[in-house]
Each structure stands twice: as C-alpha cells, then as structure tokens.
Amino acid sequence: MKLNKFLVKAKANTYASSGEGGEKIIEDGSKELSYEEGEFKYRDRYFGFNPFVGEEIVWKKGKVLWAMNYYGKVISREVPAKRIYEFLKEALSRVNEEIPFRGPKEFEKDELRYENYPSGTIEEFTGFEKIFHKGKEVYRLYYHGGLAKTK
C-alpha cells in the first residue's frame, strides 16, 4: 500500500469518524487516535481544544516515515465551536490521495465553507485551512510536515 492511500484510510478512521470522545487520553494530557493496517501505523496526538496543537506520525515497519504538525483555533464566537468542529470532521472525512494532509481544497454545507490551501507534496509540505460562516472567517489551522528519514 502507498503512503497516500494509507493516510486517507487512517484519517477517515480516526478524527474524521470519531473525533472528540473517541480518543485515548494520555497521561501527559494529550488525546490520541490511532490506526494500523499492514506494515503501517498512524497516530494523531493533540493537546487542547481551542486553541489546539497536534502531531500526526506514520511508521512503516516500525520506523518513522512521515509526520505533520498542526495548530488551530476557532477565531469567532459567531458560531458555536462544537458546530465548527462537527463541520470540520465532515470536511476532513473527504480527504483525498492527491492532497492527503487535511481535507479537500473546498467543501460547503449549509452556511459553512471549508477551504484548504496546501503547498508542496507528501515529501515536504505546508498549508493552512479556514472555515467561513456566511463569508466571515470563524476557524483557522496551520500545518506542515513531510517525510522523515531514520539513520
């Protein structure tokens, strides 16, 4: 299985499907979601709620292969955070192999709109995502990452 395909499956089976409430609470105060298939293992560990910071890591045959860090927050009280995060999960469930970092380039439902601005490839990338309510920005997240090589 290729890394892009595994990432799509892992993300669809972790935060996008279970999110808040489906995590394992770690003694350092973080929350963790994980997924394994074949020779790959994925872990998404994050701290906080609003704002929050986290890291996703993929191992292949027990060695770190890929990682991504992220920082995000709700920036407006116009829409309840719970509604924003529910919409975010729906957007993230549409992740694709072409850009397997967060969600699709855009997604819209009701009065909310998700936009993703990725740059780079799976080897090295950066980007940010935003959610808008009636055209006003209510949420923002920055991310970056890429392949990791072990000695």
Protein backbone atom coordinates (compact mmCIF):
# COMPACT_ATOMS: atom_id res chain seq x y z
CA MET A 1 0.00 0.00 0.00
CA LYS A 2 1.23 3.51 -0.80
CA LEU A 3 1.58 6.18 1.89
CA ASN A 4 -1.06 8.47 0.31
CA LYS A 5 -3.66 5.70 0.31
CA PHE A 6 -2.84 4.68 3.88
CA LEU A 7 -3.13 8.29 5.11
CA VAL A 8 -6.59 8.63 3.57
CA LYS A 9 -7.75 5.42 5.30
CA ALA A 10 -6.13 6.35 8.62
CA LYS A 11 -7.63 9.83 8.71
CA ALA A 12 -11.08 8.53 7.70
CA ASN A 13 -10.91 6.00 10.56
CA THR A 14 -9.74 8.40 13.30
CA TYR A 15 -10.65 12.07 13.89
CA ALA A 16 -12.98 12.38 10.89
CA SER A 17 -15.13 9.48 12.14
CA SER A 18 -14.74 9.56 15.93
CA GLY A 19 -13.13 12.88 16.90
CA GLU A 20 -13.83 14.29 20.35
CA GLY A 21 -14.87 11.43 22.56
CA GLY A 22 -13.23 8.66 20.52
CA GLU A 23 -9.70 9.37 21.68
CA LYS A 24 -7.48 7.69 24.20
CA ILE A 25 -6.45 10.08 26.99
CA ILE A 26 -2.67 10.01 27.56
CA GLU A 27 -1.06 10.74 30.95
CA ASP A 28 0.65 13.86 29.55
CA GLY A 29 -2.80 15.39 28.98
CA SER A 30 -2.93 14.78 25.25
CA LYS A 31 -5.60 12.93 23.33
CA GLU A 32 -4.64 10.21 20.87
CA LEU A 33 -6.25 8.46 17.92
CA SER A 34 -4.50 5.61 16.13
CA TYR A 35 -4.94 3.29 13.17
CA GLU A 36 -2.92 0.33 11.86
CA GLU A 37 -3.03 -1.60 8.62
CA GLY A 38 -0.43 -3.95 7.22
CA GLU A 39 3.07 -2.56 7.70
CA PHE A 40 1.79 0.97 8.51
CA LYS A 41 0.83 2.56 11.83
CA TYR A 42 -0.70 6.05 12.23
CA ARG A 43 -1.00 8.17 15.36
CA ASP A 44 -2.68 11.56 15.78
CA ARG A 45 -1.94 13.13 19.16
CA TYR A 46 -3.14 16.58 20.17
CA PHE A 47 -3.35 18.93 23.15
CA GLY A 48 -6.09 21.42 23.97
CA PHE A 49 -9.45 22.27 22.46
CA ASN A 50 -9.41 25.92 21.45
CA PRO A 51 -6.69 26.56 20.54
CA PHE A 52 -5.18 23.12 19.96
CA VAL A 53 -1.86 21.79 18.72
CA GLY A 54 -1.03 18.34 17.45
CA GLU A 55 1.07 15.93 15.51
CA GLU A 56 0.36 13.05 13.16
CA ILE A 57 3.01 10.37 12.63
CA VAL A 58 3.18 7.36 10.30
CA TRP A 59 5.51 4.43 10.88
CA LYS A 60 6.32 1.78 8.29
CA LYS A 61 7.73 -1.49 9.60
CA GLY A 62 8.36 0.22 12.96
CA LYS A 63 10.35 3.18 11.55
CA VAL A 64 9.09 6.75 11.35
CA LEU A 65 8.20 7.53 7.74
CA TRP A 66 6.10 10.71 7.73
CA ALA A 67 4.91 13.42 10.13
CA MET A 68 2.73 16.52 10.22
CA ASN A 69 2.31 19.20 12.90
CA TYR A 70 -0.72 21.46 13.19
CA TYR A 71 -2.11 24.38 15.22
CA GLY A 72 -5.69 25.59 15.01
CA LYS A 73 -8.44 27.53 16.72
CA VAL A 74 -11.92 28.96 16.43
CA ILE A 75 -11.49 32.71 15.93
CA SER A 76 -15.09 33.89 16.22
CA ARG A 77 -17.91 33.30 18.67
CA GLU A 78 -20.45 33.79 15.90
CA VAL A 79 -20.81 30.01 15.52
CA PRO A 80 -20.51 27.58 18.48
CA ALA A 81 -17.16 25.75 18.50
CA LYS A 82 -18.99 22.42 18.64
CA ARG A 83 -20.76 23.16 15.35
CA ILE A 84 -17.50 24.26 13.71
CA TYR A 85 -15.68 21.09 14.81
CA GLU A 86 -18.57 18.88 13.63
CA PHE A 87 -18.41 20.57 10.22
CA LEU A 88 -14.61 20.24 10.23
CA LYS A 89 -14.90 16.47 10.78
CA GLU A 90 -17.23 16.27 7.80
CA ALA A 91 -14.76 18.22 5.64
CA LEU A 92 -11.80 16.12 6.84
CA SER A 93 -13.68 12.91 6.00
CA ARG A 94 -13.33 14.00 2.36
CA VAL A 95 -9.51 13.83 2.42
CA ASN A 96 -8.10 12.50 -0.85
CA GLU A 97 -4.91 10.82 -2.07
CA GLU A 98 -3.85 13.85 -4.12
CA ILE A 99 -3.55 16.08 -1.01
CA PRO A 100 -3.71 13.70 1.99
CA PHE A 101 -2.77 16.34 4.59
CA ARG A 102 -6.15 17.62 5.79
CA GLY A 103 -9.43 17.93 3.85
CA PRO A 104 -10.24 18.67 0.20
CA LYS A 105 -9.47 22.05 -1.35
CA GLU A 106 -13.03 23.16 -0.62
CA PHE A 107 -16.25 21.87 0.90
CA GLU A 108 -19.51 23.66 1.61
CA LYS A 109 -22.62 22.75 3.55
CA ASP A 110 -25.42 25.00 4.74
CA GLU A 111 -23.85 28.32 5.74
CA LEU A 112 -20.35 26.92 6.39
CA ARG A 113 -17.50 26.72 3.89
CA TYR A 114 -14.16 24.89 4.32
CA GLU A 115 -11.10 25.97 2.32
CA ASN A 116 -7.71 24.23 2.29
CA TYR A 117 -4.57 25.85 0.87
CA PRO A 118 -1.85 23.16 0.59
CA SER A 119 1.59 23.73 -0.91
CA GLY A 120 4.15 21.05 -1.76
CA THR A 121 4.00 17.28 -1.96
CA ILE A 122 3.73 14.46 0.56
CA GLU A 123 7.55 14.59 0.82
CA GLU A 124 7.54 18.22 2.09
CA PHE A 125 4.52 20.47 2.50
CA THR A 126 2.92 23.35 4.32
CA GLY A 127 -0.56 24.77 4.29
CA PHE A 128 -3.50 26.22 6.11
CA GLU A 129 -7.24 25.70 6.25
CA LYS A 130 -10.09 28.04 7.09
CA ILE A 131 -13.79 27.76 7.80
CA PHE A 132 -16.16 30.58 6.93
CA HIS A 133 -19.70 31.27 8.12
CA LYS A 134 -21.65 33.46 5.70
CA GLY A 135 -18.33 34.67 4.27
CA LYS A 136 -16.76 35.54 7.65
CA GLU A 137 -13.74 33.54 8.84
CA VAL A 138 -14.55 31.62 12.04
CA TYR A 139 -11.76 28.99 12.20
CA ARG A 140 -8.13 28.69 11.08
CA LEU A 141 -5.45 25.97 11.19
CA TYR A 142 -1.82 25.87 10.00
CA TYR A 143 0.03 22.65 9.16
CA HIS A 144 3.39 21.47 7.85
CA GLY A 145 5.33 18.24 7.52
CA GLY A 146 6.84 15.65 5.24
CA LEU A 147 8.91 12.51 5.08
CA ALA A 148 11.23 11.66 7.96
CA LYS A 149 14.31 9.52 7.39
CA THR A 150 15.91 7.46 10.13
CA LYS A 151 19.58 6.53 10.21
